C-alpha atoms as a PDB file:
ATOM      1  CA  UNK A   1      61.223  -8.573 -19.658  1.00  0.00           C
ATOM      2  CA  UNK A   2      59.676  -8.081 -16.560  1.00  0.00           C
ATOM      3  CA  UNK A   3      56.546  -9.428 -17.948  1.00  0.00           C
ATOM      4  CA  UNK A   4      58.358 -12.695 -18.661  1.00  0.00           C
ATOM      5  CA  UNK A   5      57.682 -15.485 -16.283  1.00  0.00           C
ATOM      6  CA  UNK A   6      60.530 -16.402 -13.501  1.00  0.00           C
ATOM      7  CA  UNK A   7      61.595 -19.338 -14.886  1.00  0.00           C
ATOM      8  CA  UNK A   8      62.079 -18.014 -18.453  1.00  0.00           C
ATOM      9  CA  UNK A   9      63.921 -15.432 -17.217  1.00  0.00           C
ATOM     10  CA  UNK A  10      66.315 -17.642 -15.364  1.00  0.00           C
ATOM     11  CA  UNK A  11      66.971 -19.726 -18.860  1.00  0.00           C
ATOM     12  CA  UNK A  12      67.610 -16.221 -20.921  1.00  0.00           C
ATOM     13  CA  UNK A  13      70.445 -15.378 -18.120  1.00  0.00           C
ATOM     14  CA  UNK A  14      71.940 -18.832 -18.191  1.00  0.00           C
ATOM     15  CA  UNK A  15      72.161 -19.034 -21.696  1.00  0.00           C
ATOM     16  CA  UNK A  16      73.607 -15.349 -21.835  1.00  0.00           C
ATOM     17  CA  UNK A  17      75.895 -16.513 -19.243  1.00  0.00           C
ATOM     18  CA  UNK A  18      77.281 -19.505 -21.684  1.00  0.00           C
ATOM     19  CA  UNK A  19      77.262 -17.362 -24.529  1.00  0.00           C
ATOM     20  CA  UNK A  20      79.290 -14.406 -23.622  1.00  0.00           C
ATOM     21  CA  UNK A  21      81.972 -16.974 -21.924  1.00  0.00           C
ATOM     22  CA  UNK A  22      82.066 -18.965 -24.986  1.00  0.00           C
ATOM     23  CA  UNK A  23      82.538 -15.600 -27.154  1.00  0.00           C
ATOM     24  CA  UNK A  24      85.367 -14.974 -24.856  1.00  0.00           C
ATOM     25  CA  UNK A  25      87.250 -18.284 -25.736  1.00  0.00           C
ATOM     26  CA  UNK A  26      86.508 -18.520 -29.243  1.00  0.00           C
ATOM     27  CA  UNK A  27      87.559 -14.658 -29.733  1.00  0.00           C
ATOM     28  CA  UNK A  28      91.057 -16.037 -27.540  1.00  0.00           C
ATOM     29  CA  UNK A  29      91.364 -18.708 -29.710  1.00  0.00           C
ATOM     30  CA  UNK A  30      91.125 -16.862 -33.261  1.00  0.00           C
ATOM     31  CA  UNK A  31      93.668 -14.635 -32.163  1.00  0.00           C
ATOM     32  CA  UNK A  32      95.920 -17.117 -31.464  1.00  0.00           C
ATOM     33  CA  UNK A  33      95.454 -18.845 -34.982  1.00  0.00           C
ATOM     34  CA  UNK A  34      95.878 -15.370 -36.454  1.00  0.00           C
ATOM     35  CA  UNK A  35      99.036 -14.810 -34.798  1.00  0.00           C
ATOM     36  CA  UNK A  36     100.954 -17.583 -34.400  1.00  0.00           C
ATOM     37  CA  UNK A  37     103.930 -17.083 -35.948  1.00  0.00           C
ATOM     38  CA  UNK A  38     104.278 -13.835 -33.928  1.00  0.00           C
ATOM     39  CA  UNK A  39     102.889 -15.127 -30.203  1.00  0.00           C
ATOM     40  CA  UNK A  40     105.968 -17.555 -30.796  1.00  0.00           C
ATOM     41  CA  UNK A  41     108.233 -15.100 -29.335  1.00  0.00           C
ATOM     42  CA  UNK A  42     105.988 -14.039 -26.487  1.00  0.00           C
ATOM     43  CA  UNK A  43     107.333 -14.489 -23.436  1.00  0.00           C
ATOM     44  CA  UNK A  44     105.586 -16.623 -20.933  1.00  0.00           C
ATOM     45  CA  UNK A  45     104.533 -13.833 -18.500  1.00  0.00           C
ATOM     46  CA  UNK A  46     102.281 -12.011 -21.380  1.00  0.00           C
ATOM     47  CA  UNK A  47     100.398 -14.886 -21.692  1.00  0.00           C
ATOM     48  CA  UNK A  48      99.662 -15.362 -17.732  1.00  0.00           C
ATOM     49  CA  UNK A  49      98.600 -11.686 -17.724  1.00  0.00           C
ATOM     50  CA  UNK A  50      96.353 -12.195 -20.238  1.00  0.00           C
ATOM     51  CA  UNK A  51      95.117 -15.113 -18.854  1.00  0.00           C
ATOM     52  CA  UNK A  52      94.675 -12.787 -15.336  1.00  0.00           C
ATOM     53  CA  UNK A  53      92.712 -10.384 -17.181  1.00  0.00           C
ATOM     54  CA  UNK A  54      90.499 -12.690 -18.722  1.00  0.00           C
ATOM     55  CA  UNK A  55      89.676 -14.448 -15.624  1.00  0.00           C
ATOM     56  CA  UNK A  56      88.819 -10.679 -14.519  1.00  0.00           C
ATOM     57  CA  UNK A  57      86.706  -9.742 -16.896  1.00  0.00           C
ATOM     58  CA  UNK A  58      84.629 -13.201 -16.646  1.00  0.00           C
ATOM     59  CA  UNK A  59      84.537 -12.469 -12.784  1.00  0.00           C
ATOM     60  CA  UNK A  60      83.030  -9.122 -13.539  1.00  0.00           C
ATOM     61  CA  UNK A  61      80.671 -10.296 -16.226  1.00  0.00           C
ATOM     62  CA  UNK A  62      79.745 -13.078 -14.053  1.00  0.00           C
ATOM     63  CA  UNK A  63      79.090 -10.681 -10.927  1.00  0.00           C
ATOM     64  CA  UNK A  64      77.114  -8.429 -12.992  1.00  0.00           C
ATOM     65  CA  UNK A  65      74.695 -11.147 -14.485  1.00  0.00           C
ATOM     66  CA  UNK A  66      74.146 -12.964 -10.887  1.00  0.00           C
ATOM     67  CA  UNK A  67      73.350  -9.191  -9.716  1.00  0.00           C
ATOM     68  CA  UNK A  68      70.838  -8.123 -12.617  1.00  0.00           C
ATOM     69  CA  UNK A  69      69.274 -11.859 -11.856  1.00  0.00           C
ATOM     70  CA  UNK A  70      69.028 -11.805  -8.404  1.00  0.00           C
ATOM     71  CA  UNK A  71      67.012  -8.212  -8.629  1.00  0.00           C
ATOM     72  CA  UNK A  72      64.711  -9.250 -11.054  1.00  0.00           C
ATOM     73  CA  UNK A  73      64.141 -12.435  -9.338  1.00  0.00           C
ATOM     74  CA  UNK A  74      63.970 -10.574  -6.188  1.00  0.00           C
ATOM     75  CA  UNK A  75      61.269  -7.759  -7.957  1.00  0.00           C
ATOM     76  CA  UNK A  76      59.036 -10.627  -9.360  1.00  0.00           C
ATOM     77  CA  UNK A  77      58.770 -12.582  -5.843  1.00  0.00           C
ATOM     78  CA  UNK A  78      58.298  -9.509  -4.428  1.00  0.00           C
ATOM     79  CA  UNK A  79      55.396  -8.765  -7.100  1.00  0.00           C
ATOM     80  CA  UNK A  80      54.161 -12.169  -6.460  1.00  0.00           C
ATOM     81  CA  UNK A  81      53.989 -11.867  -2.866  1.00  0.00           C
ATOM     82  CA  UNK A  82      51.988  -8.790  -3.100  1.00  0.00           C
ATOM     83  CA  UNK A  83      49.628  -9.817  -5.351  1.00  0.00           C
ATOM     84  CA  UNK A  84      49.202 -13.256  -3.364  1.00  0.00           C
ATOM     85  CA  UNK A  85      48.694 -11.396   0.289  1.00  0.00           C
ATOM     86  CA  UNK A  86      46.574  -8.513  -1.685  1.00  0.00           C
ATOM     87  CA  UNK A  87      44.255 -11.343  -2.651  1.00  0.00           C
ATOM     88  CA  UNK A  88      44.132 -13.111   0.303  1.00  0.00           C
ATOM     89  CA  UNK A  89      43.321  -9.978   2.140  1.00  0.00           C
ATOM     90  CA  UNK A  90      40.849  -8.635   0.103  1.00  0.00           C
ATOM     91  CA  UNK A  91      39.587 -12.441   0.121  1.00  0.00           C
ATOM     92  CA  UNK A  92      38.812 -12.190   3.737  1.00  0.00           C
ATOM     93  CA  UNK A  93      38.150  -8.742   4.414  1.00  0.00           C
ATOM     94  CA  UNK A  94      35.446 -10.046   1.700  1.00  0.00           C
ATOM     95  CA  UNK A  95      34.062 -13.055   3.444  1.00  0.00           C
ATOM     96  CA  UNK A  96      33.800 -10.933   6.774  1.00  0.00           C
ATOM     97  CA  UNK A  97      31.926  -8.439   5.220  1.00  0.00           C
ATOM     98  CA  UNK A  98      29.519 -10.819   3.618  1.00  0.00           C
ATOM     99  CA  UNK A  99      29.138 -13.049   6.926  1.00  0.00           C
ATOM    100  CA  UNK A 100      28.599  -9.821   9.305  1.00  0.00           C
ATOM    101  CA  UNK A 101      26.098  -8.465   6.655  1.00  0.00           C
ATOM    102  CA  UNK A 102      24.282 -11.809   6.424  1.00  0.00           C
ATOM    103  CA  UNK A 103      23.738 -11.577  10.355  1.00  0.00           C
ATOM    104  CA  UNK A 104      22.725  -8.428  10.616  1.00  0.00           C
ATOM    105  CA  UNK A 105      20.553  -8.012   8.093  1.00  0.00           C
ATOM    106  CA  UNK A 106      17.195 -10.609   8.070  1.00  0.00           C
ATOM    107  CA  UNK A 107      15.905 -12.133   5.007  1.00  0.00           C
ATOM    108  CA  UNK A 108      14.376 -10.145   2.407  1.00  0.00           C
ATOM    109  CA  UNK A 109      11.358 -12.399   2.960  1.00  0.00           C
ATOM    110  CA  UNK A 110      11.400 -11.956   6.755  1.00  0.00           C
ATOM    111  CA  UNK A 111      11.474  -8.539   6.186  1.00  0.00           C
ATOM    112  CA  UNK A 112       8.726  -8.435   3.499  1.00  0.00           C
ATOM    113  CA  UNK A 113       6.898 -10.337   5.914  1.00  0.00           C
ATOM    114  CA  UNK A 114       7.622  -8.044   8.976  1.00  0.00           C
ATOM    115  CA  UNK A 115       7.000  -5.055   6.708  1.00  0.00           C
ATOM    116  CA  UNK A 116       3.426  -6.573   5.428  1.00  0.00           C
ATOM    117  CA  UNK A 117       2.374  -7.392   9.711  1.00  0.00           C
ATOM    118  CA  UNK A 118       3.378  -4.226  10.726  1.00  0.00           C
ATOM    119  CA  UNK A 119       1.440  -2.412   7.790  1.00  0.00           C
ATOM    120  CA  UNK A 120      -1.856  -4.820   8.584  1.00  0.00           C
ATOM    121  CA  UNK A 121      -1.535  -3.980  12.529  1.00  0.00           C
ATOM    122  CA  UNK A 122      -1.140  -0.695  11.352  1.00  0.00           C
ATOM    123  CA  UNK A 123      -4.560  -0.527   8.918  1.00  0.00           C
ATOM    124  CA  UNK A 124      -6.530  -2.103  11.425  1.00  0.00           C
ATOM    125  CA  UNK A 125      -5.703   0.226  14.157  1.00  0.00           C
ATOM    126  CA  UNK A 126      -6.487   3.168  12.118  1.00  0.00           C
ATOM    127  CA  UNK A 127     -10.440   2.668  11.445  1.00  0.00           C
ATOM    128  CA  UNK A 128     -10.697   2.228  15.629  1.00  0.00           C
ATOM    129  CA  UNK A 129      -8.633   5.817  15.811  1.00  0.00           C
ATOM    130  CA  UNK A 130     -10.761   7.166  12.745  1.00  0.00           C
ATOM    131  CA  UNK A 131     -14.299   5.912  14.576  1.00  0.00           C
ATOM    132  CA  UNK A 132     -13.045   6.779  18.487  1.00  0.00           C
ATOM    133  CA  UNK A 133     -11.899  10.328  16.541  1.00  0.00           C
ATOM    134  CA  UNK A 134     -15.853  10.207  14.973  1.00  0.00           C
ATOM    135  CA  UNK A 135     -17.424   9.440  17.868  1.00  0.00           C
ATOM    136  CA  UNK A 136     -15.552  12.210  20.163  1.00  0.00           C
ATOM    137  CA  UNK A 137     -16.461  14.513  17.142  1.00  0.00           C
ATOM    138  CA  UNK A 138     -19.833  13.820  17.028  1.00  0.00           C
ATOM    139  CA  UNK A 139     -20.119  13.645  21.122  1.00  0.00           C
ATOM    140  CA  UNK A 140     -18.752  17.605  21.439  1.00  0.00           C
ATOM    141  CA  UNK A 141     -20.817  18.554  18.368  1.00  0.00           C
ATOM    142  CA  UNK A 142     -24.106  17.255  19.906  1.00  0.00           C
ATOM    143  CA  UNK A 143     -22.908  18.784  23.202  1.00  0.00           C
ATOM    144  CA  UNK A 144     -21.956  22.339  21.790  1.00  0.00           C
ATOM    145  CA  UNK A 145     -25.142  22.387  19.333  1.00  0.00           C
ATOM    146  CA  UNK A 146     -27.585  20.212  20.893  1.00  0.00           C
ATOM    147  CA  UNK A 147     -30.417  21.519  23.488  1.00  0.00           C
ATOM    148  CA  UNK A 148     -33.729  20.791  24.721  1.00  0.00           C
ATOM    149  CA  UNK A 149     -37.352  21.829  25.485  1.00  0.00           C
ATOM    150  CA  UNK A 150     -40.755  20.797  26.873  1.00  0.00           C
ATOM    151  CA  UNK A 151     -42.833  19.611  23.861  1.00  0.00           C
ATOM    152  CA  UNK A 152     -46.671  18.308  24.139  1.00  0.00           C
ATOM    153  CA  UNK A 153     -49.638  18.061  22.214  1.00  0.00           C
ATOM    154  CA  UNK A 154     -53.433  18.419  23.550  1.00  0.00           C
ATOM    155  CA  UNK A 155     -56.837  18.564  22.548  1.00  0.00           C
ATOM    156  CA  UNK A 156     -58.320  18.571  25.893  1.00  0.00           C
ATOM    157  CA  UNK A 157     -60.520  21.655  25.572  1.00  0.00           C
ATOM    158  CA  UNK A 158     -62.432  19.813  23.008  1.00  0.00           C
ATOM    159  CA  UNK A 159     -63.877  17.369  26.255  1.00  0.00           C
ATOM    160  CA  UNK A 160     -65.717  20.775  27.097  1.00  0.00           C
ATOM    161  CA  UNK A 161     -67.451  21.391  23.992  1.00  0.00           C
ATOM    162  CA  UNK A 162     -68.221  17.700  22.752  1.00  0.00           C
ATOM    163  CA  UNK A 163     -71.286  18.723  21.499  1.00  0.00           C
ATOM    164  CA  UNK A 164     -69.831  21.300  18.893  1.00  0.00           C
ATOM    165  CA  UNK A 165     -67.229  18.734  17.874  1.00  0.00           C
ATOM    166  CA  UNK A 166     -67.549  16.571  14.925  1.00  0.00           C
ATOM    167  CA  UNK A 167     -69.570  13.022  15.666  1.00  0.00           C
ATOM    168  CA  UNK A 168     -67.668  11.503  12.762  1.00  0.00           C
ATOM    169  CA  UNK A 169     -64.509  12.152  14.566  1.00  0.00           C
ATOM    170  CA  UNK A 170     -65.352  10.903  18.123  1.00  0.00           C
ATOM    171  CA  UNK A 171     -63.217   8.170  17.138  1.00  0.00           C
ATOM    172  CA  UNK A 172     -59.808  10.085  16.883  1.00  0.00           C
ATOM    173  CA  UNK A 173     -60.433  11.794  20.170  1.00  0.00           C
ATOM    174  CA  UNK A 174     -57.929  10.657  22.974  1.00  0.00           C
ATOM    175  CA  UNK A 175     -59.769  10.080  26.709  1.00  0.00           C
ATOM    176  CA  UNK A 176     -58.219  12.652  28.397  1.00  0.00           C
ATOM    177  CA  UNK A 177     -57.320  14.724  25.288  1.00  0.00           C
ATOM    178  CA  UNK A 178     -53.524  14.423  25.277  1.00  0.00           C
ATOM    179  CA  UNK A 179     -52.052  13.321  21.634  1.00  0.00           C
ATOM    180  CA  UNK A 180     -48.189  13.515  22.890  1.00  0.00           C
ATOM    181  CA  UNK A 181     -47.802  13.742  26.325  1.00  0.00           C
ATOM    182  CA  UNK A 182     -45.087  16.188  27.411  1.00  0.00           C
ATOM    183  CA  UNK A 183     -41.675  14.700  26.742  1.00  0.00           C
ATOM    184  CA  UNK A 184     -38.165  16.559  26.700  1.00  0.00           C
ATOM    185  CA  UNK A 185     -36.773  16.363  23.494  1.00  0.00           C
ATOM    186  CA  UNK A 186     -33.736  17.948  21.581  1.00  0.00           C
ATOM    187  CA  UNK A 187     -33.099  20.513  18.667  1.00  0.00           C
ATOM    188  CA  UNK A 188     -30.305  22.321  17.409  1.00  0.00           C
ATOM    189  CA  UNK A 189     -29.455  26.039  17.927  1.00  0.00           C
ATOM    190  CA  UNK A 190     -31.749  27.640  14.829  1.00  0.00           C
ATOM    191  CA  UNK A 191     -34.638  25.341  14.855  1.00  0.00           C
ATOM    192  CA  UNK A 192     -37.685  26.601  15.078  1.00  0.00           C
ATOM    193  CA  UNK A 193     -41.052  25.368  16.952  1.00  0.00           C
ATOM    194  CA  UNK A 194     -42.347  24.176  13.884  1.00  0.00           C
ATOM    195  CA  UNK A 195     -39.372  21.916  12.827  1.00  0.00           C
ATOM    196  CA  UNK A 196     -39.837  20.404  16.582  1.00  0.00           C
ATOM    197  CA  UNK A 197     -43.354  20.133  15.654  1.00  0.00           C
ATOM    198  CA  UNK A 198     -42.575  17.771  12.305  1.00  0.00           C
ATOM    199  CA  UNK A 199     -39.982  15.798  13.479  1.00  0.00           C
ATOM    200  CA  UNK A 200     -41.821  14.560  16.494  1.00  0.00           C
ATOM    201  CA  UNK A 201     -44.818  14.014  14.458  1.00  0.00           C
ATOM    202  CA  UNK A 202     -43.329  11.866  11.889  1.00  0.00           C
ATOM    203  CA  UNK A 203     -40.863   9.857  14.560  1.00  0.00           C
ATOM    204  CA  UNK A 204     -44.378   9.071  16.621  1.00  0.00           C
ATOM    205  CA  UNK A 205     -46.626   8.564  13.236  1.00  0.00           C
ATOM    206  CA  UNK A 206     -48.992  11.113  14.563  1.00  0.00           C
ATOM    207  CA  UNK A 207     -50.586  13.055  11.248  1.00  0.00           C
ATOM    208  CA  UNK A 208     -50.085  16.653  11.226  1.00  0.00           C
ATOM    209  CA  UNK A 209     -51.119  18.692   8.190  1.00  0.00           C
ATOM    210  CA  UNK A 210     -49.886  22.169   7.231  1.00  0.00           C
ATOM    211  CA  UNK A 211     -50.093  24.865   4.818  1.00  0.00           C
ATOM    212  CA  UNK A 212     -47.289  27.838   3.532  1.00  0.00           C
ATOM    213  CA  UNK A 213     -49.005  31.146   3.836  1.00  0.00           C
ATOM    214  CA  UNK A 214     -47.188  33.763   1.684  1.00  0.00           C
ATOM    215  CA  UNK A 215     -48.859  36.550   2.812  1.00  0.00           C
ATOM    216  CA  UNK A 216     -47.083  36.221   6.028  1.00  0.00           C
ATOM    217  CA  UNK A 217     -43.971  34.327   4.413  1.00  0.00           C
ATOM    218  CA  UNK A 218     -45.336  31.550   7.031  1.00  0.00           C
ATOM    219  CA  UNK A 219     -46.689  28.328   7.491  1.00  0.00           C
ATOM    220  CA  UNK A 220     -50.175  27.469   8.903  1.00  0.00           C
ATOM    221  CA  UNK A 221     -50.882  23.970  11.098  1.00  0.00           C
ATOM    222  CA  UNK A 222     -54.341  22.831   9.561  1.00  0.00           C
ATOM    223  CA  UNK A 223     -54.560  19.791  11.918  1.00  0.00           C
ATOM    224  CA  UNK A 224     -52.449  17.142  13.871  1.00  0.00           C
ATOM    225  CA  UNK A 225     -54.021  13.731  14.263  1.00  0.00           C
ATOM    226  CA  UNK A 226     -56.720  14.209  11.667  1.00  0.00           C
ATOM    227  CA  UNK A 227     -58.276  17.040  13.971  1.00  0.00           C
ATOM    228  CA  UNK A 228     -58.728  20.032  11.878  1.00  0.00           C
ATOM    229  CA  UNK A 229     -59.846  23.658  12.483  1.00  0.00           C
ATOM    230  CA  UNK A 230     -63.489  24.253  12.457  1.00  0.00           C
ATOM    231  CA  UNK A 231     -64.161  20.412  13.847  1.00  0.00           C
ATOM    232  CA  UNK A 232     -65.274  21.770  16.796  1.00  0.00           C
ATOM    233  CA  UNK A 233     -67.026  25.299  15.893  1.00  0.00           C
ATOM    234  CA  UNK A 234     -66.370  28.304  13.926  1.00  0.00           C
ATOM    235  CA  UNK A 235     -63.686  29.545  16.516  1.00  0.00           C
ATOM    236  CA  UNK A 236     -62.058  26.196  17.206  1.00  0.00           C
ATOM    237  CA  UNK A 237     -58.786  25.835  15.650  1.00  0.00           C
ATOM    238  CA  UNK A 238     -54.493  24.824  16.746  1.00  0.00           C
ATOM    239  CA  UNK A 239     -52.640  27.520  18.532  1.00  0.00           C
ATOM    240  CA  UNK A 240     -48.903  27.497  20.193  1.00  0.00           C
ATOM    241  CA  UNK A 241     -47.747  28.448  23.360  1.00  0.00           C
ATOM    242  CA  UNK A 242     -44.208  28.924  24.492  1.00  0.00           C
ATOM    243  CA  UNK A 243     -43.348  29.800  28.294  1.00  0.00           C
ATOM    244  CA  UNK A 244     -46.907  30.563  28.826  1.00  0.00           C
ATOM    245  CA  UNK A 245     -47.007  32.920  26.051  1.00  0.00           C
ATOM    246  CA  UNK A 246     -48.868  33.249  22.579  1.00  0.00           C
ATOM    247  CA  UNK A 247     -46.322  34.717  19.931  1.00  0.00           C
ATOM    248  CA  UNK A 248     -48.118  36.709  17.435  1.00  0.00           C
ATOM    249  CA  UNK A 249     -46.458  35.077  14.240  1.00  0.00           C
ATOM    250  CA  UNK A 250     -45.928  31.672  12.717  1.00  0.00           C
ATOM    251  CA  UNK A 251     -44.455  28.871  14.301  1.00  0.00           C
ATOM    252  CA  UNK A 252     -41.879  28.711  11.635  1.00  0.00           C
ATOM    253  CA  UNK A 253     -40.264  32.055  12.746  1.00  0.00           C
ATOM    254  CA  UNK A 254     -40.468  31.389  16.431  1.00  0.00           C
ATOM    255  CA  UNK A 255     -36.721  29.812  17.192  1.00  0.00           C
ATOM    256  CA  UNK A 256     -36.699  27.867  20.478  1.00  0.00           C
ATOM    257  CA  UNK A 257     -33.851  28.687  23.156  1.00  0.00           C
ATOM    258  CA  UNK A 258     -32.639  26.130  25.604  1.00  0.00           C
ATOM    259  CA  UNK A 259     -35.160  25.039  28.068  1.00  0.00           C
ATOM    260  CA  UNK A 260     -38.184  26.288  26.280  1.00  0.00           C
ATOM    261  CA  UNK A 261     -41.477  24.623  27.434  1.00  0.00           C
ATOM    262  CA  UNK A 262     -43.471  24.100  24.002  1.00  0.00           C
ATOM    263  CA  UNK A 263     -47.446  23.548  24.228  1.00  0.00           C
ATOM    264  CA  UNK A 264     -49.466  22.525  20.954  1.00  0.00           C
ATOM    265  CA  UNK A 265     -53.285  23.414  22.440  1.00  0.00           C
ATOM    266  CA  UNK A 266     -56.439  23.435  20.159  1.00  0.00           C
ATOM    267  CA  UNK A 267     -58.950  26.072  20.894  1.00  0.00           C
ATOM    268  CA  UNK A 268     -62.537  26.280  20.465  1.00  0.00           C
ATOM    269  CA  UNK A 269     -62.929  29.806  21.211  1.00  0.00           C
ATOM    270  CA  UNK A 270     -59.999  31.571  19.088  1.00  0.00           C
ATOM    271  CA  UNK A 271     -57.758  31.199  22.098  1.00  0.00           C
ATOM    272  CA  UNK A 272     -59.463  32.629  24.613  1.00  0.00           C
ATOM    273  CA  UNK A 273     -60.171  28.929  26.470  1.00  0.00           C
ATOM    274  CA  UNK A 274     -56.522  28.471  26.126  1.00  0.00           C
ATOM    275  CA  UNK A 275     -55.184  31.898  27.615  1.00  0.00           C
ATOM    276  CA  UNK A 276     -54.645  33.555  25.029  1.00  0.00           C
ATOM    277  CA  UNK A 277     -56.017  37.447  25.769  1.00  0.00           C
ATOM    278  CA  UNK A 278     -55.429  38.876  22.277  1.00  0.00           C
ATOM    279  CA  UNK A 279     -58.799  38.091  21.334  1.00  0.00           C
ATOM    280  CA  UNK A 280     -60.234  38.359  24.659  1.00  0.00           C
ATOM    281  CA  UNK A 281     -62.190  42.158  23.786  1.00  0.00           C
END
């Protein structure tokens, strides 16, 4: 019965009251007809007592029915009120939460745009950071590995032996005999005299020719600036000197040290005219 609407419950309760009252009176009437002859002999007091009992019984039934209906009505109203209050509270909470979230959180498009902007700015900054780091690393590497030496090439001895020089190459001979004036150049740790000669000649477009000597596991410089060995006599050719000394091994085997003074000199007398005393005797 609790599942029925309140209106239906009230109608059913009223109908029950009517049926009970009707049943009661019907029962009294039937009993009177059945015992009509006997009732005539009954005293008036008995009839009055019966009437009083009937009235009391009807009142009790009416009270119980009223109480039952009142309880059910109260429960129904309570349930309805509870549901209404719960729905109202839930709706208010949902609306407030939605408004709060909407205010606190930016729109998806705005969020996406902000992320894209931040990523773009980060991507723009990264190449600058990488370039700066690379430059710093290169500079550090250069400071740690790059060294310097003084480098020069000269064939001035030919000027003193011009009569022995190949007449077809006079145009190749510098007026002062200097092919490459003394210059401070850089080199890296482990590089040789040959490495610097080869690099500087190529960078300055100066001719140079060399050959490998397997017997000595070294290289031999045949010509610089198209001036070769034997161009100024049978004892002429190229030698190198480092810090005023003439090493006794190939130029590719001499490892440079920071501050070295390297000279490539053309000799017309097996080194004796440039200070090499090895063949002095």
